[in-house]
PDB file of all heavy atoms in Angstrom:
ATOM      1  N   SER A   1     172.391 100.841 189.577  1.00  0.00           N
ATOM      2  CA  SER A   1     171.187 100.409 188.821  1.00  0.00           C
ATOM      3  C   SER A   1     170.452 101.601 188.363  1.00  0.00           C
ATOM      4  O   SER A   1     169.685 102.202 189.152  1.00  0.00           O
ATOM      5  CB  SER A   1     170.345  99.496 189.658  1.00  0.00           C
ATOM      6  OG  SER A   1     169.137  99.203 188.970  1.00  0.00           O
ATOM      7  N   LEU A   2     170.446 101.935 187.091  1.00  0.00           N
ATOM      8  CA  LEU A   2     169.773 103.044 186.537  1.00  0.00           C
ATOM      9  C   LEU A   2     168.251 102.859 186.688  1.00  0.00           C
ATOM     10  O   LEU A   2     167.555 103.812 187.015  1.00  0.00           O
ATOM     11  CB  LEU A   2     170.141 103.260 185.095  1.00  0.00           C
ATOM     12  CG  LEU A   2     169.431 104.450 184.365  1.00  0.00           C
ATOM     13  CD1 LEU A   2     169.827 105.738 185.075  1.00  0.00           C
ATOM     14  CD2 LEU A   2     169.804 104.438 182.898  1.00  0.00           C
ATOM     15  N   LYS A   3     167.780 101.660 186.424  1.00  0.00           N
ATOM     16  CA  LYS A   3     166.335 101.369 186.495  1.00  0.00           C
ATOM     17  C   LYS A   3     165.792 101.658 187.950  1.00  0.00           C
ATOM     18  O   LYS A   3     164.814 102.338 188.112  1.00  0.00           O
ATOM     19  CB  LYS A   3     166.031  99.932 186.160  1.00  0.00           C
ATOM     20  CG  LYS A   3     164.579  99.569 186.321  1.00  0.00           C
ATOM     21  CD  LYS A   3     164.418  98.055 186.042  1.00  0.00           C
ATOM     22  CE  LYS A   3     164.992  97.313 187.222  1.00  0.00           C
ATOM     23  NZ  LYS A   3     164.722  95.900 187.279  1.00  0.00           N
ATOM     24  N   ASP A   4     166.530 101.145 188.928  1.00  0.00           N
ATOM     25  CA  ASP A   4     166.091 101.339 190.358  1.00  0.00           C
ATOM     26  C   ASP A   4     166.211 102.817 190.756  1.00  0.00           C
ATOM     27  O   ASP A   4     165.372 103.339 191.488  1.00  0.00           O
ATOM     28  CB  ASP A   4     166.882 100.459 191.261  1.00  0.00           C
ATOM     29  CG  ASP A   4     166.448  98.999 191.157  1.00  0.00           C
ATOM     30  OD1 ASP A   4     165.240  98.769 191.060  1.00  0.00           O
ATOM     31  OD2 ASP A   4     167.319  98.164 191.187  1.00  0.00           O
ATOM     32  N   CYS A   5     167.240 103.524 190.195  1.00  0.00           N
ATOM     33  CA  CYS A   5     167.329 104.930 190.532  1.00  0.00           C
ATOM     34  C   CYS A   5     166.175 105.708 189.951  1.00  0.00           C
ATOM     35  O   CYS A   5     165.591 106.521 190.683  1.00  0.00           O
ATOM     36  CB  CYS A   5     168.664 105.475 189.942  1.00  0.00           C
ATOM     37  SG  CYS A   5     170.086 105.101 190.876  1.00  0.00           S
ATOM     38  N   VAL A   6     165.839 105.436 188.688  1.00  0.00           N
ATOM     39  CA  VAL A   6     164.752 106.129 188.092  1.00  0.00           C
ATOM     40  C   VAL A   6     163.440 105.867 188.846  1.00  0.00           C
ATOM     41  O   VAL A   6     162.676 106.820 189.174  1.00  0.00           O
ATOM     42  CB  VAL A   6     164.620 105.723 186.574  1.00  0.00           C
ATOM     43  CG1 VAL A   6     163.300 106.293 185.941  1.00  0.00           C
ATOM     44  CG2 VAL A   6     165.785 106.274 185.746  1.00  0.00           C
ATOM     45  N   ILE A   7     163.160 104.608 189.121  1.00  0.00           N
ATOM     46  CA  ILE A   7     161.938 104.317 189.802  1.00  0.00           C
ATOM     47  C   ILE A   7     161.845 104.968 191.139  1.00  0.00           C
ATOM     48  O   ILE A   7     160.851 105.676 191.497  1.00  0.00           O
ATOM     49  CB  ILE A   7     161.810 102.749 190.011  1.00  0.00           C
ATOM     50  CG1 ILE A   7     161.556 102.073 188.634  1.00  0.00           C
ATOM     51  CG2 ILE A   7     160.664 102.409 190.975  1.00  0.00           C
ATOM     52  CD1 ILE A   7     161.667 100.560 188.721  1.00  0.00           C
ATOM     53  N   ASN A   8     162.857 104.847 191.926  1.00  0.00           N
ATOM     54  CA  ASN A   8     162.820 105.302 193.349  1.00  0.00           C
ATOM     55  C   ASN A   8     162.906 106.824 193.439  1.00  0.00           C
ATOM     56  O   ASN A   8     162.212 107.381 194.292  1.00  0.00           O
ATOM     57  CB  ASN A   8     163.958 104.672 194.140  1.00  0.00           C
ATOM     58  CG  ASN A   8     163.542 103.257 194.494  1.00  0.00           C
ATOM     59  OD1 ASN A   8     162.912 103.011 195.484  1.00  0.00           O
ATOM     60  ND2 ASN A   8     163.915 102.298 193.664  1.00  0.00           N
ATOM     61  N   TYR A   9     163.723 107.461 192.628  1.00  0.00           N
ATOM     62  CA  TYR A   9     163.737 108.938 192.687  1.00  0.00           C
ATOM     63  C   TYR A   9     162.468 109.578 192.122  1.00  0.00           C
ATOM     64  O   TYR A   9     162.060 110.611 192.597  1.00  0.00           O
ATOM     65  CB  TYR A   9     164.993 109.484 192.004  1.00  0.00           C
ATOM     66  CG  TYR A   9     166.196 109.276 192.929  1.00  0.00           C
ATOM     67  CD1 TYR A   9     167.184 108.246 192.662  1.00  0.00           C
ATOM     68  CD2 TYR A   9     166.379 109.951 194.098  1.00  0.00           C
ATOM     69  CE1 TYR A   9     168.214 108.014 193.452  1.00  0.00           C
ATOM     70  CE2 TYR A   9     167.506 109.732 194.935  1.00  0.00           C
ATOM     71  CZ  TYR A   9     168.371 108.724 194.599  1.00  0.00           C
ATOM     72  OH  TYR A   9     169.424 108.460 195.483  1.00  0.00           O
ATOM     73  N   LEU A  10     161.825 108.890 191.160  1.00  0.00           N
ATOM     74  CA  LEU A  10     160.519 109.366 190.734  1.00  0.00           C
ATOM     75  C   LEU A  10     159.510 109.190 191.845  1.00  0.00           C
ATOM     76  O   LEU A  10     158.649 110.076 192.012  1.00  0.00           O
ATOM     77  CB  LEU A  10     160.016 108.594 189.463  1.00  0.00           C
ATOM     78  CG  LEU A  10     160.639 109.090 188.164  1.00  0.00           C
ATOM     79  CD1 LEU A  10     160.214 108.133 186.996  1.00  0.00           C
ATOM     80  CD2 LEU A  10     160.211 110.476 187.856  1.00  0.00           C
ATOM     81  N   LEU A  11     159.571 108.143 192.563  1.00  0.00           N
ATOM     82  CA  LEU A  11     158.661 107.915 193.684  1.00  0.00           C
ATOM     83  C   LEU A  11     158.868 108.958 194.781  1.00  0.00           C
ATOM     84  O   LEU A  11     157.949 109.420 195.386  1.00  0.00           O
ATOM     85  CB  LEU A  11     158.745 106.466 194.241  1.00  0.00           C
ATOM     86  CG  LEU A  11     158.153 105.433 193.263  1.00  0.00           C
ATOM     87  CD1 LEU A  11     158.503 104.043 193.737  1.00  0.00           C
ATOM     88  CD2 LEU A  11     156.620 105.622 193.145  1.00  0.00           C
ATOM     89  N   ILE A  12     160.147 109.343 195.006  1.00  0.00           N
ATOM     90  CA  ILE A  12     160.370 110.445 195.955  1.00  0.00           C
ATOM     91  C   ILE A  12     159.732 111.718 195.403  1.00  0.00           C
ATOM     92  O   ILE A  12     159.044 112.430 196.158  1.00  0.00           O
ATOM     93  CB  ILE A  12     161.864 110.589 196.236  1.00  0.00           C
ATOM     94  CG1 ILE A  12     162.428 109.467 197.090  1.00  0.00           C
ATOM     95  CG2 ILE A  12     162.150 111.943 196.973  1.00  0.00           C
ATOM     96  CD1 ILE A  12     163.946 109.500 197.309  1.00  0.00           C
ATOM     97  N   LEU A  13     159.953 112.009 194.141  1.00  0.00           N
ATOM     98  CA  LEU A  13     159.336 113.219 193.577  1.00  0.00           C
ATOM     99  C   LEU A  13     157.817 113.145 193.679  1.00  0.00           C
ATOM    100  O   LEU A  13     157.195 114.178 194.032  1.00  0.00           O
ATOM    101  CB  LEU A  13     159.701 113.324 192.052  1.00  0.00           C
ATOM    102  CG  LEU A  13     159.158 114.471 191.334  1.00  0.00           C
ATOM    103  CD1 LEU A  13     159.662 115.795 191.880  1.00  0.00           C
ATOM    104  CD2 LEU A  13     159.452 114.351 189.849  1.00  0.00           C
ATOM    105  N   ILE A  14     157.227 112.035 193.464  1.00  0.00           N
ATOM    106  CA  ILE A  14     155.719 111.908 193.568  1.00  0.00           C
ATOM    107  C   ILE A  14     155.298 112.084 194.980  1.00  0.00           C
ATOM    108  O   ILE A  14     154.193 112.583 195.248  1.00  0.00           O
ATOM    109  CB  ILE A  14     155.334 110.523 193.023  1.00  0.00           C
ATOM    110  CG1 ILE A  14     155.444 110.552 191.483  1.00  0.00           C
ATOM    111  CG2 ILE A  14     153.897 110.150 193.431  1.00  0.00           C
ATOM    112  CD1 ILE A  14     155.388 109.161 190.837  1.00  0.00           C
ATOM    113  N   THR A  15     156.092 111.727 195.983  1.00  0.00           N
ATOM    114  CA  THR A  15     155.625 111.928 197.406  1.00  0.00           C
ATOM    115  C   THR A  15     155.888 113.363 197.864  1.00  0.00           C
ATOM    116  O   THR A  15     155.241 113.818 198.828  1.00  0.00           O
ATOM    117  CB  THR A  15     156.368 110.963 198.368  1.00  0.00           C
ATOM    118  OG1 THR A  15     157.744 111.103 198.266  1.00  0.00           O
ATOM    119  CG2 THR A  15     155.944 109.554 198.120  1.00  0.00           C
ATOM    120  N   VAL A  16     156.785 114.050 197.218  1.00  0.00           N
ATOM    121  CA  VAL A  16     157.094 115.432 197.582  1.00  0.00           C
ATOM    122  C   VAL A  16     156.204 116.463 196.817  1.00  0.00           C
ATOM    123  O   VAL A  16     155.840 117.499 197.323  1.00  0.00           O
ATOM    124  CB  VAL A  16     158.595 115.744 197.395  1.00  0.00           C
ATOM    125  CG1 VAL A  16     158.921 117.224 197.521  1.00  0.00           C
ATOM    126  CG2 VAL A  16     159.412 114.893 198.367  1.00  0.00           C
ATOM    127  N   LEU A  17     155.998 116.122 195.599  1.00  0.00           N
ATOM    128  CA  LEU A  17     155.297 117.046 194.681  1.00  0.00           C
ATOM    129  C   LEU A  17     153.970 117.549 195.213  1.00  0.00           C
ATOM    130  O   LEU A  17     153.666 118.754 195.051  1.00  0.00           O
ATOM    131  CB  LEU A  17     155.091 116.416 193.299  1.00  0.00           C
ATOM    132  CG  LEU A  17     154.753 117.260 192.137  1.00  0.00           C
ATOM    133  CD1 LEU A  17     155.776 118.315 191.918  1.00  0.00           C
ATOM    134  CD2 LEU A  17     154.622 116.415 190.900  1.00  0.00           C
ATOM    135  N   PRO A  18     153.137 116.772 195.869  1.00  0.00           N
ATOM    136  CA  PRO A  18     151.889 117.309 196.349  1.00  0.00           C
ATOM    137  C   PRO A  18     152.056 118.452 197.334  1.00  0.00           C
ATOM    138  O   PRO A  18     151.224 119.395 197.386  1.00  0.00           O
ATOM    139  CB  PRO A  18     151.198 116.119 197.102  1.00  0.00           C
ATOM    140  CG  PRO A  18     151.881 114.920 196.492  1.00  0.00           C
ATOM    141  CD  PRO A  18     153.236 115.329 196.109  1.00  0.00           C
ATOM    142  N   HIS A  19     153.130 118.430 198.076  1.00  0.00           N
ATOM    143  CA  HIS A  19     153.397 119.552 199.026  1.00  0.00           C
ATOM    144  C   HIS A  19     153.673 120.814 198.333  1.00  0.00           C
ATOM    145  O   HIS A  19     153.287 121.894 198.803  1.00  0.00           O
ATOM    146  CB  HIS A  19     154.483 119.107 200.000  1.00  0.00           C
ATOM    147  CG  HIS A  19     154.150 117.948 200.846  1.00  0.00           C
ATOM    148  ND1 HIS A  19     153.316 118.107 201.946  1.00  0.00           N
ATOM    149  CD2 HIS A  19     154.422 116.678 200.779  1.00  0.00           C
ATOM    150  CE1 HIS A  19     153.113 116.904 202.484  1.00  0.00           C
ATOM    151  NE2 HIS A  19     153.813 116.004 201.796  1.00  0.00           N
ATOM    152  N   PHE A  20     154.317 120.744 197.192  1.00  0.00           N
ATOM    153  CA  PHE A  20     154.635 121.936 196.458  1.00  0.00           C
ATOM    154  C   PHE A  20     153.419 122.443 195.694  1.00  0.00           C
ATOM    155  O   PHE A  20     153.144 123.630 195.535  1.00  0.00           O
ATOM    156  CB  PHE A  20     155.809 121.771 195.492  1.00  0.00           C
ATOM    157  CG  PHE A  20     157.128 121.692 196.226  1.00  0.00           C
ATOM    158  CD1 PHE A  20     157.775 120.494 196.328  1.00  0.00           C
ATOM    159  CD2 PHE A  20     157.679 122.831 196.806  1.00  0.00           C
ATOM    160  CE1 PHE A  20     158.973 120.350 197.041  1.00  0.00           C
ATOM    161  CE2 PHE A  20     158.853 122.711 197.434  1.00  0.00           C
ATOM    162  CZ  PHE A  20     159.506 121.520 197.546  1.00  0.00           C
ATOM    163  N   MET A  21     152.650 121.465 195.080  1.00  0.00           N
ATOM    164  CA  MET A  21     151.509 121.831 194.252  1.00  0.00           C
ATOM    165  C   MET A  21     150.363 122.384 195.102  1.00  0.00           C
ATOM    166  O   MET A  21     149.552 123.195 194.635  1.00  0.00           O
ATOM    167  CB  MET A  21     151.019 120.608 193.479  1.00  0.00           C
ATOM    168  CG  MET A  21     151.997 120.208 192.461  1.00  0.00           C
ATOM    169  SD  MET A  21     151.423 118.788 191.489  1.00  0.00           S
ATOM    170  CE  MET A  21     150.072 119.570 190.611  1.00  0.00           C
ATOM    171  N   LEU A  22     150.224 121.930 196.272  1.00  0.00           N
ATOM    172  CA  LEU A  22     149.076 122.251 197.130  1.00  0.00           C
ATOM    173  C   LEU A  22     149.415 123.178 198.322  1.00  0.00           C
ATOM    174  O   LEU A  22     148.597 123.427 199.156  1.00  0.00           O
ATOM    175  CB  LEU A  22     148.414 120.942 197.640  1.00  0.00           C
ATOM    176  CG  LEU A  22     148.065 119.964 196.609  1.00  0.00           C
ATOM    177  CD1 LEU A  22     147.565 118.679 197.279  1.00  0.00           C
ATOM    178  CD2 LEU A  22     147.055 120.477 195.636  1.00  0.00           C
ATOM    179  N   ARG A  23     150.605 123.692 198.278  1.00  0.00           N
ATOM    180  CA  ARG A  23     151.055 124.506 199.449  1.00  0.00           C
ATOM    181  C   ARG A  23     150.248 125.711 199.707  1.00  0.00           C
ATOM    182  O   ARG A  23     150.064 126.149 200.804  1.00  0.00           O
ATOM    183  CB  ARG A  23     152.554 124.856 199.309  1.00  0.00           C
ATOM    184  CG  ARG A  23     152.826 125.829 198.229  1.00  0.00           C
ATOM    185  CD  ARG A  23     154.297 126.153 198.183  1.00  0.00           C
ATOM    186  NE  ARG A  23     154.534 126.981 197.024  1.00  0.00           N
ATOM    187  CZ  ARG A  23     155.709 127.125 196.526  1.00  0.00           C
ATOM    188  NH1 ARG A  23     156.710 126.555 197.043  1.00  0.00           N
ATOM    189  NH2 ARG A  23     155.865 127.919 195.432  1.00  0.00           N
ATOM    190  N   SER A  24     149.693 126.311 198.653  1.00  0.00           N
ATOM    191  CA  SER A  24     148.877 127.495 198.872  1.00  0.00           C
ATOM    192  C   SER A  24     147.505 127.178 199.468  1.00  0.00           C
ATOM    193  O   SER A  24     146.813 127.991 200.031  1.00  0.00           O
ATOM    194  CB  SER A  24     148.722 128.339 197.619  1.00  0.00           C
ATOM    195  OG  SER A  24     148.052 127.546 196.668  1.00  0.00           O
ATOM    196  N   LYS A  25     147.104 125.913 199.315  1.00  0.00           N
ATOM    197  CA  LYS A  25     145.813 125.470 199.768  1.00  0.00           C
ATOM    198  C   LYS A  25     145.799 125.072 201.221  1.00  0.00           C
ATOM    199  O   LYS A  25     144.817 125.218 201.941  1.00  0.00           O
ATOM    200  CB  LYS A  25     145.293 124.285 198.896  1.00  0.00           C
ATOM    201  CG  LYS A  25     145.308 124.537 197.462  1.00  0.00           C
ATOM    202  CD  LYS A  25     144.259 125.554 197.080  1.00  0.00           C
ATOM    203  CE  LYS A  25     144.253 125.713 195.533  1.00  0.00           C
ATOM    204  NZ  LYS A  25     143.632 126.916 195.123  1.00  0.00           N
ATOM    205  N   ILE A  26     146.882 124.452 201.657  1.00  0.00           N
ATOM    206  CA  ILE A  26     146.953 123.990 203.047  1.00  0.00           C
ATOM    207  C   ILE A  26     147.973 124.795 203.802  1.00  0.00           C
ATOM    208  O   ILE A  26     149.179 124.723 203.458  1.00  0.00           O
ATOM    209  CB  ILE A  26     147.381 122.431 203.084  1.00  0.00           C
ATOM    210  CG1 ILE A  26     146.378 121.600 202.320  1.00  0.00           C
ATOM    211  CG2 ILE A  26     147.566 122.002 204.536  1.00  0.00           C
ATOM    212  CD1 ILE A  26     146.774 120.174 202.170  1.00  0.00           C
ATOM    213  N   LYS A  27     147.545 125.514 204.731  1.00  0.00           N
ATOM    214  CA  LYS A  27     148.407 126.496 205.452  1.00  0.00           C
ATOM    215  C   LYS A  27     149.005 125.821 206.681  1.00  0.00           C
ATOM    216  O   LYS A  27     150.175 125.946 206.989  1.00  0.00           O
ATOM    217  CB  LYS A  27     147.666 127.708 205.859  1.00  0.00           C
ATOM    218  CG  LYS A  27     147.138 128.521 204.705  1.00  0.00           C
ATOM    219  CD  LYS A  27     148.190 129.230 203.909  1.00  0.00           C
ATOM    220  CE  LYS A  27     147.602 130.121 202.910  1.00  0.00           C
ATOM    221  NZ  LYS A  27     148.433 130.364 201.778  1.00  0.00           N
ATOM    222  N   ARG A  28     148.141 125.116 207.475  1.00  0.00           N
ATOM    223  CA  ARG A  28     148.596 124.684 208.765  1.00  0.00           C
ATOM    224  C   ARG A  28     149.543 123.431 208.649  1.00  0.00           C
ATOM    225  O   ARG A  28     149.203 122.496 207.889  1.00  0.00           O
ATOM    226  CB  ARG A  28     147.454 124.454 209.723  1.00  0.00           C
ATOM    227  CG  ARG A  28     146.633 123.286 209.338  1.00  0.00           C
ATOM    228  CD  ARG A  28     145.431 123.147 210.328  1.00  0.00           C
ATOM    229  NE  ARG A  28     144.675 122.005 209.880  1.00  0.00           N
ATOM    230  CZ  ARG A  28     144.401 120.992 210.601  1.00  0.00           C
ATOM    231  NH1 ARG A  28     144.747 120.976 211.836  1.00  0.00           N
ATOM    232  NH2 ARG A  28     143.767 119.958 210.073  1.00  0.00           N
ATOM    233  N   ASN A  29     150.623 123.390 209.366  1.00  0.00           N
ATOM    234  CA  ASN A  29     151.494 122.257 209.500  1.00  0.00           C
ATOM    235  C   ASN A  29     152.042 121.778 208.125  1.00  0.00           C
ATOM    236  O   ASN A  29     152.476 120.629 208.051  1.00  0.00           O
ATOM    237  CB  ASN A  29     150.801 121.147 210.162  1.00  0.00           C
ATOM    238  CG  ASN A  29     150.109 121.506 211.411  1.00  0.00           C
ATOM    239  OD1 ASN A  29     150.604 122.371 212.163  1.00  0.00           O
ATOM    240  ND2 ASN A  29     148.947 120.903 211.704  1.00  0.00           N
ATOM    241  N   ARG A  30     152.134 122.610 207.210  1.00  0.00           N
ATOM    242  CA  ARG A  30     152.494 122.136 205.867  1.00  0.00           C
ATOM    243  C   ARG A  30     153.987 121.857 205.691  1.00  0.00           C
ATOM    244  O   ARG A  30     154.415 121.224 204.770  1.00  0.00           O
ATOM    245  CB  ARG A  30     152.009 123.086 204.802  1.00  0.00           C
ATOM    246  CG  ARG A  30     152.744 124.457 204.759  1.00  0.00           C
ATOM    247  CD  ARG A  30     152.292 125.242 203.576  1.00  0.00           C
ATOM    248  NE  ARG A  30     153.166 126.347 203.365  1.00  0.00           N
ATOM    249  CZ  ARG A  30     152.800 127.536 203.142  1.00  0.00           C
ATOM    250  NH1 ARG A  30     151.524 127.800 202.919  1.00  0.00           N
ATOM    251  NH2 ARG A  30     153.669 128.512 202.966  1.00  0.00           N
ATOM    252  N   HIS A  31     154.805 122.391 206.629  1.00  0.00           N
ATOM    253  CA  HIS A  31     156.244 122.260 206.394  1.00  0.00           C
ATOM    254  C   HIS A  31     156.814 121.078 207.165  1.00  0.00           C
ATOM    255  O   HIS A  31     158.019 120.777 207.075  1.00  0.00           O
ATOM    256  CB  HIS A  31     156.979 123.528 206.881  1.00  0.00           C
ATOM    257  CG  HIS A  31     156.653 124.731 205.971  1.00  0.00           C
ATOM    258  ND1 HIS A  31     156.937 124.696 204.674  1.00  0.00           N
ATOM    259  CD2 HIS A  31     156.005 125.863 206.330  1.00  0.00           C
ATOM    260  CE1 HIS A  31     156.451 125.881 204.199  1.00  0.00           C
ATOM    261  NE2 HIS A  31     155.937 126.551 205.132  1.00  0.00           N
ATOM    262  N   THR A  32     156.031 120.299 207.947  1.00  0.00           N
ATOM    263  CA  THR A  32     156.556 119.179 208.697  1.00  0.00           C
ATOM    264  C   THR A  32     157.014 118.036 207.800  1.00  0.00           C
ATOM    265  O   THR A  32     157.789 117.203 208.219  1.00  0.00           O
ATOM    266  CB  THR A  32     155.509 118.677 209.706  1.00  0.00           C
ATOM    267  OG1 THR A  32     154.343 118.368 209.006  1.00  0.00           O
ATOM    268  CG2 THR A  32     155.281 119.705 210.797  1.00  0.00           C
ATOM    269  N   TRP A  33     156.620 118.000 206.499  1.00  0.00           N
ATOM    270  CA  TRP A  33     157.004 116.983 205.611  1.00  0.00           C
ATOM    271  C   TRP A  33     158.558 116.992 205.422  1.00  0.00           C
ATOM    272  O   TRP A  33     159.194 116.000 205.158  1.00  0.00           O
ATOM    273  CB  TRP A  33     156.293 116.994 204.305  1.00  0.00           C
ATOM    274  CG  TRP A  33     156.677 118.110 203.393  1.00  0.00           C
ATOM    275  CD1 TRP A  33     156.037 119.329 203.324  1.00  0.00           C
ATOM    276  CD2 TRP A  33     157.704 118.153 202.414  1.00  0.00           C
ATOM    277  NE1 TRP A  33     156.605 120.140 202.427  1.00  0.00           N
ATOM    278  CE2 TRP A  33     157.692 119.414 201.804  1.00  0.00           C
ATOM    279  CE3 TRP A  33     158.659 117.272 201.990  1.00  0.00           C
ATOM    280  CZ2 TRP A  33     158.557 119.824 200.834  1.00  0.00           C
ATOM    281  CZ3 TRP A  33     159.563 117.650 201.015  1.00  0.00           C
ATOM    282  CH2 TRP A  33     159.495 118.893 200.455  1.00  0.00           C
ATOM    283  N   TYR A  34     159.165 118.207 205.498  1.00  0.00           N
ATOM    284  CA  TYR A  34     160.618 118.339 205.405  1.00  0.00           C
ATOM    285  C   TYR A  34     161.327 117.467 206.519  1.00  0.00           C
ATOM    286  O   TYR A  34     162.318 116.862 206.292  1.00  0.00           O
ATOM    287  CB  TYR A  34     161.087 119.789 205.636  1.00  0.00           C
ATOM    288  CG  TYR A  34     160.766 120.765 204.556  1.00  0.00           C
ATOM    289  CD1 TYR A  34     159.892 121.854 204.741  1.00  0.00           C
ATOM    290  CD2 TYR A  34     161.432 120.663 203.356  1.00  0.00           C
ATOM    291  CE1 TYR A  34     159.625 122.777 203.781  1.00  0.00           C
ATOM    292  CE2 TYR A  34     161.116 121.623 202.309  1.00  0.00           C
ATOM    293  CZ  TYR A  34     160.291 122.592 202.563  1.00  0.00           C
ATOM    294  OH  TYR A  34     160.008 123.549 201.580  1.00  0.00           O
ATOM    295  N   LEU A  35     160.752 117.596 207.685  1.00  0.00           N
ATOM    296  CA  LEU A  35     161.287 116.812 208.845  1.00  0.00           C
ATOM    297  C   LEU A  35     161.211 115.332 208.552  1.00  0.00           C
ATOM    298  O   LEU A  35     162.142 114.574 208.850  1.00  0.00           O
ATOM    299  CB  LEU A  35     160.647 117.208 210.098  1.00  0.00           C
ATOM    300  CG  LEU A  35     160.768 118.655 210.574  1.00  0.00           C
ATOM    301  CD1 LEU A  35     159.825 118.904 211.748  1.00  0.00           C
ATOM    302  CD2 LEU A  35     162.163 118.985 210.934  1.00  0.00           C
ATOM    303  N   VAL A  36     160.091 114.867 207.957  1.00  0.00           N
ATOM    304  CA  VAL A  36     159.942 113.429 207.645  1.00  0.00           C
ATOM    305  C   VAL A  36     160.938 113.047 206.598  1.00  0.00           C
ATOM    306  O   VAL A  36     161.608 111.980 206.701  1.00  0.00           O
ATOM    307  CB  VAL A  36     158.487 113.177 207.212  1.00  0.00           C
ATOM    308  CG1 VAL A  36     158.380 111.739 206.711  1.00  0.00           C
ATOM    309  CG2 VAL A  36     157.508 113.512 208.269  1.00  0.00           C
ATOM    310  N   MET A  37     161.175 113.864 205.622  1.00  0.00           N
ATOM    311  CA  MET A  37     162.133 113.511 204.567  1.00  0.00           C
ATOM    312  C   MET A  37     163.571 113.471 205.112  1.00  0.00           C
ATOM    313  O   MET A  37     164.309 112.538 204.850  1.00  0.00           O
ATOM    314  CB  MET A  37     162.082 114.532 203.407  1.00  0.00           C
ATOM    315  CG  MET A  37     162.952 114.069 202.206  1.00  0.00           C
ATOM    316  SD  MET A  37     162.625 114.982 200.709  1.00  0.00           S
ATOM    317  CE  MET A  37     163.378 116.534 201.063  1.00  0.00           C
ATOM    318  N   ILE A  38     163.929 114.424 205.952  1.00  0.00           N
ATOM    319  CA  ILE A  38     165.248 114.421 206.565  1.00  0.00           C
ATOM    320  C   ILE A  38     165.425 113.190 207.464  1.00  0.00           C
ATOM    321  O   ILE A  38     166.457 112.512 207.354  1.00  0.00           O
ATOM    322  CB  ILE A  38     165.506 115.702 207.273  1.00  0.00           C
ATOM    323  CG1 ILE A  38     165.614 116.902 206.306  1.00  0.00           C
ATOM    324  CG2 ILE A  38     166.751 115.662 208.211  1.00  0.00           C
ATOM    325  CD1 ILE A  38     165.547 118.278 206.974  1.00  0.00           C
ATOM    326  N   THR A  39     164.448 113.002 208.305  1.00  0.00           N
ATOM    327  CA  THR A  39     164.538 111.817 209.179  1.00  0.00           C
ATOM    328  C   THR A  39     164.656 110.522 208.373  1.00  0.00           C
ATOM    329  O   THR A  39     165.479 109.675 208.715  1.00  0.00           O
ATOM    330  CB  THR A  39     163.297 111.737 210.098  1.00  0.00           C
ATOM    331  OG1 THR A  39     163.227 112.993 210.858  1.00  0.00           O
ATOM    332  CG2 THR A  39     163.390 110.591 210.995  1.00  0.00           C
ATOM    333  N   SER A  40     163.888 110.375 207.358  1.00  0.00           N
ATOM    334  CA  SER A  40     163.852 109.182 206.540  1.00  0.00           C
ATOM    335  C   SER A  40     165.247 108.963 205.866  1.00  0.00           C
ATOM    336  O   SER A  40     165.735 107.876 205.755  1.00  0.00           O
ATOM    337  CB  SER A  40     162.747 109.191 205.528  1.00  0.00           C
ATOM    338  OG  SER A  40     161.503 109.306 206.121  1.00  0.00           O
TER     339      SER A  40
END
């Protein structure tokens, strides 16, 4: 399903993007989102 792929992979991008955009602003504990993504 191309539609579901586009929707869901865009939503993954949207949940990951803030960590890349704001990484220089938030120093502490900023890499733990990787663990959440891998676990998920």
